[in-house]
Amino acid sequence: MSAKRPAYVIAEVEVTDPAVFQEYVAQAIPTLQQYNARIVVRAKPDTKEGARAVGDIVIAVFESMEDAQSWYHAAEYTAAISVRQRAAKTRLMIVEGEPV
């Protein structure tokens, strides 16, 4: 029996329009629930090496890479992406974690 491998959506978010970004949050957060995901980190990082992060770091955890990919490509979330892109400069990636 193989252990599940969680996936993490990691984003560096520099908000440029706080009012519009709140619209994004209102649209995006509810989309996580159906994929059994949750936000585990949302904070300014304490950079120790390399280039300093410009915005906040946000990390969401999903039960699997398949769930994370399905969420990102779901119609409900893709509608929110354009709102986020108007309201923030973002670097976003999905990484697979170690088995739990």
PDB file of N, CA and C in Angstrom:
ATOM      1  N   MET A   1       0.843  -1.181   0.000  1.00  0.00           N
ATOM      2  CA  MET A   1       0.000   0.000   0.000  1.00  0.00           C
ATOM      3  C   MET A   1       0.893   1.250   0.000  1.00  0.00           C
ATOM      4  N   SER A   2       0.665   2.137  -0.970  1.00  0.00           N
ATOM      5  CA  SER A   2       1.484   3.346  -1.028  1.00  0.00           C
ATOM      6  C   SER A   2       0.787   4.493  -0.298  1.00  0.00           C
ATOM      7  N   ALA A   3       1.584   5.319   0.328  1.00  0.00           N
ATOM      8  CA  ALA A   3       1.052   6.464   1.066  1.00  0.00           C
ATOM      9  C   ALA A   3       0.698   7.576   0.088  1.00  0.00           C
ATOM     10  N   LYS A   4      -0.280   8.361   0.478  1.00  0.00           N
ATOM     11  CA  LYS A   4      -0.657   9.507  -0.342  1.00  0.00           C
ATOM     12  C   LYS A   4       0.459  10.538  -0.352  1.00  0.00           C
ATOM     13  N   ARG A   5       0.596  11.199  -1.479  1.00  0.00           N
ATOM     14  CA  ARG A   5       1.565  12.281  -1.617  1.00  0.00           C
ATOM     15  C   ARG A   5       0.772  13.587  -1.709  1.00  0.00           C
ATOM     16  N   PRO A   6       0.854  14.422  -0.702  1.00  0.00           N
ATOM     17  CA  PRO A   6       0.131  15.687  -0.753  1.00  0.00           C
ATOM     18  C   PRO A   6       0.756  16.610  -1.798  1.00  0.00           C
ATOM     19  N   ALA A   7       0.005  17.602  -2.202  1.00  0.00           N
ATOM     20  CA  ALA A   7       0.519  18.620  -3.114  1.00  0.00           C
ATOM     21  C   ALA A   7       0.296  19.983  -2.478  1.00  0.00           C
ATOM     22  N   TYR A   8       1.187  20.888  -2.798  1.00  0.00           N
ATOM     23  CA  TYR A   8       1.140  22.230  -2.233  1.00  0.00           C
ATOM     24  C   TYR A   8       1.103  23.260  -3.350  1.00  0.00           C
ATOM     25  N   VAL A   9       0.157  24.168  -3.243  1.00  0.00           N
ATOM     26  CA  VAL A   9       0.149  25.336  -4.122  1.00  0.00           C
ATOM     27  C   VAL A   9       0.881  26.419  -3.346  1.00  0.00           C
ATOM     28  N   ILE A  10       1.952  26.929  -3.931  1.00  0.00           N
ATOM     29  CA  ILE A  10       2.769  27.948  -3.283  1.00  0.00           C
ATOM     30  C   ILE A  10       2.743  29.186  -4.157  1.00  0.00           C
ATOM     31  N   ALA A  11       2.380  30.304  -3.561  1.00  0.00           N
ATOM     32  CA  ALA A  11       2.299  31.547  -4.323  1.00  0.00           C
ATOM     33  C   ALA A  11       2.994  32.673  -3.580  1.00  0.00           C
ATOM     34  N   GLU A  12       3.677  33.499  -4.343  1.00  0.00           N
ATOM     35  CA  GLU A  12       4.188  34.762  -3.837  1.00  0.00           C
ATOM     36  C   GLU A  12       3.268  35.821  -4.426  1.00  0.00           C
ATOM     37  N   VAL A  13       2.605  36.563  -3.560  1.00  0.00           N
ATOM     38  CA  VAL A  13       1.553  37.479  -3.997  1.00  0.00           C
ATOM     39  C   VAL A  13       1.864  38.902  -3.538  1.00  0.00           C
ATOM     40  N   GLU A  14       2.042  39.783  -4.517  1.00  0.00           N
ATOM     41  CA  GLU A  14       2.215  41.206  -4.236  1.00  0.00           C
ATOM     42  C   GLU A  14       0.921  41.909  -4.653  1.00  0.00           C
ATOM     43  N   VAL A  15       0.110  42.266  -3.695  1.00  0.00           N
ATOM     44  CA  VAL A  15      -1.178  42.890  -3.982  1.00  0.00           C
ATOM     45  C   VAL A  15      -0.951  44.315  -4.474  1.00  0.00           C
ATOM     46  N   THR A  16      -1.546  44.630  -5.628  1.00  0.00           N
ATOM     47  CA  THR A  16      -1.434  45.968  -6.198  1.00  0.00           C
ATOM     48  C   THR A  16      -2.746  46.736  -6.134  1.00  0.00           C
ATOM     49  N   ASP A  17      -3.858  46.029  -5.967  1.00  0.00           N
ATOM     50  CA  ASP A  17      -5.177  46.655  -5.841  1.00  0.00           C
ATOM     51  C   ASP A  17      -5.951  45.899  -4.756  1.00  0.00           C
ATOM     52  N   PRO A  18      -5.855  46.368  -3.510  1.00  0.00           N
ATOM     53  CA  PRO A  18      -6.463  45.632  -2.392  1.00  0.00           C
ATOM     54  C   PRO A  18      -7.973  45.388  -2.542  1.00  0.00           C
ATOM     55  N   ALA A  19      -8.715  46.331  -3.072  1.00  0.00           N
ATOM     56  CA  ALA A  19     -10.166  46.149  -3.207  1.00  0.00           C
ATOM     57  C   ALA A  19     -10.487  45.015  -4.180  1.00  0.00           C
ATOM     58  N   VAL A  20      -9.821  45.006  -5.318  1.00  0.00           N
ATOM     59  CA  VAL A  20     -10.055  43.938  -6.296  1.00  0.00           C
ATOM     60  C   VAL A  20      -9.531  42.612  -5.756  1.00  0.00           C
ATOM     61  N   PHE A  21      -8.427  42.654  -5.009  1.00  0.00           N
ATOM     62  CA  PHE A  21      -7.896  41.416  -4.447  1.00  0.00           C
ATOM     63  C   PHE A  21      -8.898  40.785  -3.481  1.00  0.00           C
ATOM     64  N   GLN A  22      -9.643  41.582  -2.761  1.00  0.00           N
ATOM     65  CA  GLN A  22     -10.674  41.037  -1.867  1.00  0.00           C
ATOM     66  C   GLN A  22     -11.760  40.319  -2.659  1.00  0.00           C
ATOM     67  N   GLU A  23     -12.053  40.801  -3.863  1.00  0.00           N
ATOM     68  CA  GLU A  23     -12.998  40.091  -4.747  1.00  0.00           C
ATOM     69  C   GLU A  23     -12.435  38.714  -5.095  1.00  0.00           C
ATOM     70  N   TYR A  24     -11.139  38.683  -5.414  1.00  0.00           N
ATOM     71  CA  TYR A  24     -10.495  37.405  -5.722  1.00  0.00           C
ATOM     72  C   TYR A  24     -10.600  36.443  -4.546  1.00  0.00           C
ATOM     73  N   VAL A  25     -10.257  36.921  -3.359  1.00  0.00           N
ATOM     74  CA  VAL A  25     -10.307  36.071  -2.160  1.00  0.00           C
ATOM     75  C   VAL A  25     -11.718  35.520  -1.972  1.00  0.00           C
ATOM     76  N   ALA A  26     -12.722  36.374  -2.132  1.00  0.00           N
ATOM     77  CA  ALA A  26     -14.115  35.947  -1.960  1.00  0.00           C
ATOM     78  C   ALA A  26     -14.496  34.868  -2.967  1.00  0.00           C
ATOM     79  N   GLN A  27     -13.936  34.930  -4.165  1.00  0.00           N
ATOM     80  CA  GLN A  27     -14.222  33.914  -5.186  1.00  0.00           C
ATOM     81  C   GLN A  27     -13.375  32.658  -5.002  1.00  0.00           C
ATOM     82  N   ALA A  28     -12.100  32.829  -4.665  1.00  0.00           N
ATOM     83  CA  ALA A  28     -11.158  31.715  -4.679  1.00  0.00           C
ATOM     84  C   ALA A  28     -11.257  30.803  -3.462  1.00  0.00           C
ATOM     85  N   ILE A  29     -11.367  31.363  -2.282  1.00  0.00           N
ATOM     86  CA  ILE A  29     -11.342  30.541  -1.070  1.00  0.00           C
ATOM     87  C   ILE A  29     -12.429  29.462  -1.066  1.00  0.00           C
ATOM     88  N   PRO A  30     -13.668  29.770  -1.436  1.00  0.00           N
ATOM     89  CA  PRO A  30     -14.686  28.708  -1.438  1.00  0.00           C
ATOM     90  C   PRO A  30     -14.387  27.565  -2.413  1.00  0.00           C
ATOM     91  N   THR A  31     -13.580  27.808  -3.442  1.00  0.00           N
ATOM     92  CA  THR A  31     -13.281  26.744  -4.405  1.00  0.00           C
ATOM     93  C   THR A  31     -12.383  25.663  -3.818  1.00  0.00           C
ATOM     94  N   LEU A  32     -11.681  25.965  -2.747  1.00  0.00           N
ATOM     95  CA  LEU A  32     -10.777  24.990  -2.134  1.00  0.00           C
ATOM     96  C   LEU A  32     -11.525  23.830  -1.481  1.00  0.00           C
ATOM     97  N   GLN A  33     -12.681  24.113  -0.917  1.00  0.00           N
ATOM     98  CA  GLN A  33     -13.394  23.121  -0.109  1.00  0.00           C
ATOM     99  C   GLN A  33     -13.708  21.841  -0.880  1.00  0.00           C
ATOM    100  N   GLN A  34     -14.192  21.951  -2.099  1.00  0.00           N
ATOM    101  CA  GLN A  34     -14.574  20.743  -2.826  1.00  0.00           C
ATOM    102  C   GLN A  34     -13.367  19.884  -3.207  1.00  0.00           C
ATOM    103  N   TYR A  35     -12.161  20.422  -3.079  1.00  0.00           N
ATOM    104  CA  TYR A  35     -10.941  19.663  -3.354  1.00  0.00           C
ATOM    105  C   TYR A  35     -10.216  19.290  -2.056  1.00  0.00           C
ATOM    106  N   ASN A  36     -10.917  19.397  -0.938  1.00  0.00           N
ATOM    107  CA  ASN A  36     -10.382  19.050   0.379  1.00  0.00           C
ATOM    108  C   ASN A  36      -9.056  19.756   0.650  1.00  0.00           C
ATOM    109  N   ALA A  37      -8.987  21.019   0.277  1.00  0.00           N
ATOM    110  CA  ALA A  37      -7.761  21.790   0.445  1.00  0.00           C
ATOM    111  C   ALA A  37      -7.986  22.895   1.468  1.00  0.00           C
ATOM    112  N   ARG A  38      -6.864  23.398   1.972  1.00  0.00           N
ATOM    113  CA  ARG A  38      -6.949  24.506   2.923  1.00  0.00           C
ATOM    114  C   ARG A  38      -5.675  25.322   2.856  1.00  0.00           C
ATOM    115  N   ILE A  39      -5.792  26.576   3.216  1.00  0.00           N
ATOM    116  CA  ILE A  39      -4.647  27.465   3.313  1.00  0.00           C
ATOM    117  C   ILE A  39      -3.932  27.137   4.624  1.00  0.00           C
ATOM    118  N   VAL A  40      -2.628  26.900   4.561  1.00  0.00           N
ATOM    119  CA  VAL A  40      -1.858  26.603   5.778  1.00  0.00           C
ATOM    120  C   VAL A  40      -0.892  27.725   6.140  1.00  0.00           C
ATOM    121  N   VAL A  41      -0.574  28.599   5.177  1.00  0.00           N
ATOM    122  CA  VAL A  41       0.328  29.721   5.434  1.00  0.00           C
ATOM    123  C   VAL A  41      -0.143  30.914   4.615  1.00  0.00           C
ATOM    124  N   ARG A  42      -0.144  32.072   5.237  1.00  0.00           N
ATOM    125  CA  ARG A  42      -0.324  33.344   4.529  1.00  0.00           C
ATOM    126  C   ARG A  42       0.394  34.403   5.355  1.00  0.00           C
ATOM    127  N   ALA A  43       1.617  34.743   4.940  1.00  0.00           N
ATOM    128  CA  ALA A  43       2.419  35.671   5.732  1.00  0.00           C
ATOM    129  C   ALA A  43       3.588  36.201   4.919  1.00  0.00           C
ATOM    130  N   LYS A  44       4.176  37.269   5.420  1.00  0.00           N
ATOM    131  CA  LYS A  44       5.422  37.775   4.851  1.00  0.00           C
ATOM    132  C   LYS A  44       6.536  36.838   5.307  1.00  0.00           C
ATOM    133  N   PRO A  45       7.406  36.422   4.384  1.00  0.00           N
ATOM    134  CA  PRO A  45       8.487  35.506   4.768  1.00  0.00           C
ATOM    135  C   PRO A  45       9.665  36.244   5.389  1.00  0.00           C
ATOM    136  N   ASP A  46      10.415  35.532   6.173  1.00  0.00           N
ATOM    137  CA  ASP A  46      11.677  36.016   6.729  1.00  0.00           C
ATOM    138  C   ASP A  46      12.771  35.425   5.850  1.00  0.00           C
ATOM    139  N   THR A  47      13.121  36.127   4.777  1.00  0.00           N
ATOM    140  CA  THR A  47      14.078  35.622   3.803  1.00  0.00           C
ATOM    141  C   THR A  47      15.476  35.532   4.414  1.00  0.00           C
ATOM    142  N   LYS A  48      16.096  34.378   4.304  1.00  0.00           N
ATOM    143  CA  LYS A  48      17.441  34.155   4.835  1.00  0.00           C
ATOM    144  C   LYS A  48      18.492  34.117   3.736  1.00  0.00           C
ATOM    145  N   GLU A  49      18.107  33.673   2.536  1.00  0.00           N
ATOM    146  CA  GLU A  49      19.056  33.576   1.432  1.00  0.00           C
ATOM    147  C   GLU A  49      18.329  33.932   0.142  1.00  0.00           C
ATOM    148  N   GLY A  50      19.078  34.424  -0.827  1.00  0.00           N
ATOM    149  CA  GLY A  50      18.507  34.740  -2.127  1.00  0.00           C
ATOM    150  C   GLY A  50      17.728  36.038  -2.124  1.00  0.00           C
ATOM    151  N   ALA A  51      17.044  36.262  -3.221  1.00  0.00           N
ATOM    152  CA  ALA A  51      16.267  37.493  -3.381  1.00  0.00           C
ATOM    153  C   ALA A  51      15.114  37.529  -2.387  1.00  0.00           C
ATOM    154  N   ARG A  52      14.910  38.685  -1.818  1.00  0.00           N
ATOM    155  CA  ARG A  52      13.818  38.877  -0.869  1.00  0.00           C
ATOM    156  C   ARG A  52      12.478  38.773  -1.601  1.00  0.00           C
ATOM    157  N   ALA A  53      11.527  38.072  -1.004  1.00  0.00           N
ATOM    158  CA  ALA A  53      10.181  37.984  -1.562  1.00  0.00           C
ATOM    159  C   ALA A  53       9.543  39.367  -1.533  1.00  0.00           C
ATOM    160  N   VAL A  54       8.825  39.699  -2.582  1.00  0.00           N
ATOM    161  CA  VAL A  54       8.207  41.013  -2.685  1.00  0.00           C
ATOM    162  C   VAL A  54       6.871  41.043  -1.950  1.00  0.00           C
ATOM    163  N   GLY A  55       6.127  39.976  -2.014  1.00  0.00           N
ATOM    164  CA  GLY A  55       4.802  39.947  -1.396  1.00  0.00           C
ATOM    165  C   GLY A  55       4.712  38.920  -0.296  1.00  0.00           C
ATOM    166  N   ASP A  56       3.485  38.560   0.024  1.00  0.00           N
ATOM    167  CA  ASP A  56       3.220  37.504   0.993  1.00  0.00           C
ATOM    168  C   ASP A  56       3.415  36.147   0.327  1.00  0.00           C
ATOM    169  N   ILE A  57       3.697  35.147   1.147  1.00  0.00           N
ATOM    170  CA  ILE A  57       3.741  33.767   0.679  1.00  0.00           C
ATOM    171  C   ILE A  57       2.447  33.103   1.152  1.00  0.00           C
ATOM    172  N   VAL A  58       1.791  32.430   0.212  1.00  0.00           N
ATOM    173  CA  VAL A  58       0.557  31.699   0.519  1.00  0.00           C
ATOM    174  C   VAL A  58       0.792  30.249   0.137  1.00  0.00           C
ATOM    175  N   ILE A  59       0.465  29.336   1.059  1.00  0.00           N
ATOM    176  CA  ILE A  59       0.596  27.905   0.788  1.00  0.00           C
ATOM    177  C   ILE A  59      -0.733  27.234   1.102  1.00  0.00           C
ATOM    178  N   ALA A  60      -1.234  26.501   0.118  1.00  0.00           N
ATOM    179  CA  ALA A  60      -2.438  25.684   0.301  1.00  0.00           C
ATOM    180  C   ALA A  60      -2.031  24.232   0.154  1.00  0.00           C
ATOM    181  N   VAL A  61      -2.609  23.360   0.959  1.00  0.00           N
ATOM    182  CA  VAL A  61      -2.286  21.938   0.894  1.00  0.00           C
ATOM    183  C   VAL A  61      -3.491  21.175   0.346  1.00  0.00           C
ATOM    184  N   PHE A  62      -3.193  20.242  -0.558  1.00  0.00           N
ATOM    185  CA  PHE A  62      -4.185  19.362  -1.178  1.00  0.00           C
ATOM    186  C   PHE A  62      -3.797  17.923  -0.876  1.00  0.00           C
ATOM    187  N   GLU A  63      -4.754  17.016  -0.938  1.00  0.00           N
ATOM    188  CA  GLU A  63      -4.465  15.610  -0.648  1.00  0.00           C
ATOM    189  C   GLU A  63      -3.598  14.960  -1.714  1.00  0.00           C
ATOM    190  N   SER A  64      -3.631  15.495  -2.946  1.00  0.00           N
ATOM    191  CA  SER A  64      -2.844  14.894  -4.025  1.00  0.00           C
ATOM    192  C   SER A  64      -2.570  15.929  -5.112  1.00  0.00           C
ATOM    193  N   MET A  65      -1.610  15.627  -5.963  1.00  0.00           N
ATOM    194  CA  MET A  65      -1.306  16.476  -7.119  1.00  0.00           C
ATOM    195  C   MET A  65      -2.516  16.538  -8.047  1.00  0.00           C
ATOM    196  N   GLU A  66      -3.198  15.418  -8.199  1.00  0.00           N
ATOM    197  CA  GLU A  66      -4.396  15.389  -9.045  1.00  0.00           C
ATOM    198  C   GLU A  66      -5.439  16.378  -8.528  1.00  0.00           C
ATOM    199  N   ASP A  67      -5.659  16.409  -7.215  1.00  0.00           N
ATOM    200  CA  ASP A  67      -6.623  17.359  -6.648  1.00  0.00           C
ATOM    201  C   ASP A  67      -6.182  18.800  -6.889  1.00  0.00           C
ATOM    202  N   ALA A  68      -4.899  19.081  -6.700  1.00  0.00           N
ATOM    203  CA  ALA A  68      -4.392  20.445  -6.899  1.00  0.00           C
ATOM    204  C   ALA A  68      -4.548  20.871  -8.354  1.00  0.00           C
ATOM    205  N   GLN A  69      -4.203  19.992  -9.275  1.00  0.00           N
ATOM    206  CA  GLN A  69      -4.338  20.316 -10.701  1.00  0.00           C
ATOM    207  C   GLN A  69      -5.801  20.489 -11.091  1.00  0.00           C
ATOM    208  N   SER A  70      -6.658  19.621 -10.572  1.00  0.00           N
ATOM    209  CA  SER A  70      -8.092  19.736 -10.871  1.00  0.00           C
ATOM    210  C   SER A  70      -8.648  21.057 -10.370  1.00  0.00           C
ATOM    211  N   TRP A  71      -8.251  21.447  -9.166  1.00  0.00           N
ATOM    212  CA  TRP A  71      -8.685  22.739  -8.613  1.00  0.00           C
ATOM    213  C   TRP A  71      -8.221  23.886  -9.499  1.00  0.00           C
ATOM    214  N   TYR A  72      -6.941  23.897  -9.850  1.00  0.00           N
ATOM    215  CA  TYR A  72      -6.390  25.014 -10.620  1.00  0.00           C
ATOM    216  C   TYR A  72      -7.092  25.166 -11.970  1.00  0.00           C
ATOM    217  N   HIS A  73      -7.482  24.057 -12.585  1.00  0.00           N
ATOM    218  CA  HIS A  73      -8.102  24.095 -13.908  1.00  0.00           C
ATOM    219  C   HIS A  73      -9.635  24.100 -13.868  1.00  0.00           C
ATOM    220  N   ALA A  74     -10.222  24.055 -12.667  1.00  0.00           N
ATOM    221  CA  ALA A  74     -11.683  24.062 -12.539  1.00  0.00           C
ATOM    222  C   ALA A  74     -12.246  25.416 -12.980  1.00  0.00           C
ATOM    223  N   ALA A  75     -13.391  25.392 -13.602  1.00  0.00           N
ATOM    224  CA  ALA A  75     -14.023  26.616 -14.105  1.00  0.00           C
ATOM    225  C   ALA A  75     -14.202  27.658 -13.004  1.00  0.00           C
ATOM    226  N   GLU A  76     -14.572  27.208 -11.805  1.00  0.00           N
ATOM    227  CA  GLU A  76     -14.805  28.141 -10.700  1.00  0.00           C
ATOM    228  C   GLU A  76     -13.526  28.890 -10.323  1.00  0.00           C
ATOM    229  N   TYR A  77     -12.395  28.184 -10.360  1.00  0.00           N
ATOM    230  CA  TYR A  77     -11.157  28.856 -10.003  1.00  0.00           C
ATOM    231  C   TYR A  77     -10.585  29.647 -11.178  1.00  0.00           C
ATOM    232  N   THR A  78     -10.663  29.121 -12.369  1.00  0.00           N
ATOM    233  CA  THR A  78     -10.099  29.861 -13.500  1.00  0.00           C
ATOM    234  C   THR A  78     -10.801  31.204 -13.675  1.00  0.00           C
ATOM    235  N   ALA A  79     -12.064  31.302 -13.291  1.00  0.00           N
ATOM    236  CA  ALA A  79     -12.758  32.593 -13.324  1.00  0.00           C
ATOM    237  C   ALA A  79     -12.114  33.569 -12.341  1.00  0.00           C
ATOM    238  N   ALA A  80     -11.642  33.068 -11.227  1.00  0.00           N
ATOM    239  CA  ALA A  80     -11.012  33.926 -10.211  1.00  0.00           C
ATOM    240  C   ALA A  80      -9.597  34.345 -10.610  1.00  0.00           C
ATOM    241  N   ILE A  81      -8.935  33.546 -11.425  1.00  0.00           N
ATOM    242  CA  ILE A  81      -7.558  33.858 -11.817  1.00  0.00           C
ATOM    243  C   ILE A  81      -7.459  35.231 -12.469  1.00  0.00           C
ATOM    244  N   SER A  82      -8.366  35.538 -13.377  1.00  0.00           N
ATOM    245  CA  SER A  82      -8.294  36.838 -14.062  1.00  0.00           C
ATOM    246  C   SER A  82      -8.490  37.990 -13.083  1.00  0.00           C
ATOM    247  N   VAL A  83      -9.292  37.780 -12.047  1.00  0.00           N
ATOM    248  CA  VAL A  83      -9.474  38.807 -11.018  1.00  0.00           C
ATOM    249  C   VAL A  83      -8.162  38.992 -10.264  1.00  0.00           C
ATOM    250  N   ARG A  84      -7.530  37.886  -9.874  1.00  0.00           N
ATOM    251  CA  ARG A  84      -6.246  37.965  -9.171  1.00  0.00           C
ATOM    252  C   ARG A  84      -5.207  38.665 -10.020  1.00  0.00           C
ATOM    253  N   GLN A  85      -5.159  38.351 -11.300  1.00  0.00           N
ATOM    254  CA  GLN A  85      -4.154  38.942 -12.170  1.00  0.00           C
ATOM    255  C   GLN A  85      -4.337  40.455 -12.331  1.00  0.00           C
ATOM    256  N   ARG A  86      -5.554  40.935 -12.166  1.00  0.00           N
ATOM    257  CA  ARG A  86      -5.795  42.385 -12.184  1.00  0.00           C
ATOM    258  C   ARG A  86      -5.391  43.031 -10.867  1.00  0.00           C
ATOM    259  N   ALA A  87      -5.355  42.266  -9.787  1.00  0.00           N
ATOM    260  CA  ALA A  87      -5.178  42.817  -8.445  1.00  0.00           C
ATOM    261  C   ALA A  87      -3.817  42.554  -7.816  1.00  0.00           C
ATOM    262  N   ALA A  88      -3.005  41.704  -8.446  1.00  0.00           N
ATOM    263  CA  ALA A  88      -1.733  41.327  -7.811  1.00  0.00           C
ATOM    264  C   ALA A  88      -0.738  40.812  -8.843  1.00  0.00           C
ATOM    265  N   LYS A  89       0.526  40.937  -8.486  1.00  0.00           N
ATOM    266  CA  LYS A  89       1.599  40.279  -9.225  1.00  0.00           C
ATOM    267  C   LYS A  89       1.865  38.986  -8.475  1.00  0.00           C
ATOM    268  N   THR A  90       1.813  37.873  -9.192  1.00  0.00           N
ATOM    269  CA  THR A  90       1.874  36.571  -8.523  1.00  0.00           C
ATOM    270  C   THR A  90       2.829  35.630  -9.228  1.00  0.00           C
ATOM    271  N   ARG A  91       3.598  34.888  -8.430  1.00  0.00           N
ATOM    272  CA  ARG A  91       4.308  33.697  -8.899  1.00  0.00           C
ATOM    273  C   ARG A  91       3.607  32.545  -8.210  1.00  0.00           C
ATOM    274  N   LEU A  92       3.133  31.561  -8.974  1.00  0.00           N
ATOM    275  CA  LEU A  92       2.362  30.450  -8.411  1.00  0.00           C
ATOM    276  C   LEU A  92       2.899  29.151  -8.953  1.00  0.00           C
ATOM    277  N   MET A  93       3.098  28.188  -8.056  1.00  0.00           N
ATOM    278  CA  MET A  93       3.574  26.869  -8.477  1.00  0.00           C
ATOM    279  C   MET A  93       2.870  25.783  -7.657  1.00  0.00           C
ATOM    280  N   ILE A  94       2.856  24.590  -8.221  1.00  0.00           N
ATOM    281  CA  ILE A  94       2.296  23.429  -7.519  1.00  0.00           C
ATOM    282  C   ILE A  94       3.425  22.409  -7.397  1.00  0.00           C
ATOM    283  N   VAL A  95       3.651  21.934  -6.176  1.00  0.00           N
ATOM    284  CA  VAL A  95       4.694  20.937  -5.946  1.00  0.00           C
ATOM    285  C   VAL A  95       4.103  19.752  -5.185  1.00  0.00           C
ATOM    286  N   GLU A  96       4.630  18.591  -5.505  1.00  0.00           N
ATOM    287  CA  GLU A  96       4.197  17.370  -4.818  1.00  0.00           C
ATOM    288  C   GLU A  96       5.089  17.163  -3.600  1.00  0.00           C
ATOM    289  N   GLY A  97       4.468  16.811  -2.485  1.00  0.00           N
ATOM    290  CA  GLY A  97       5.206  16.606  -1.257  1.00  0.00           C
ATOM    291  C   GLY A  97       5.588  15.154  -1.048  1.00  0.00           C
ATOM    292  N   GLU A  98       6.173  14.914   0.091  1.00  0.00           N
ATOM    293  CA  GLU A  98       6.555  13.568   0.492  1.00  0.00           C
ATOM    294  C   GLU A  98       5.319  12.798   0.966  1.00  0.00           C
ATOM    295  N   PRO A  99       5.331  11.480   0.847  1.00  0.00           N
ATOM    296  CA  PRO A  99       4.184  10.691   1.321  1.00  0.00           C
ATOM    297  C   PRO A  99       3.924  10.930   2.810  1.00  0.00           C
ATOM    298  N   VAL A 100       2.655  10.872   3.168  1.00  0.00           N
ATOM    299  CA  VAL A 100       2.285  11.023   4.579  1.00  0.00           C
ATOM    300  C   VAL A 100       1.821   9.699   5.149  1.00  0.00           C
TER     301      VAL A 100
END
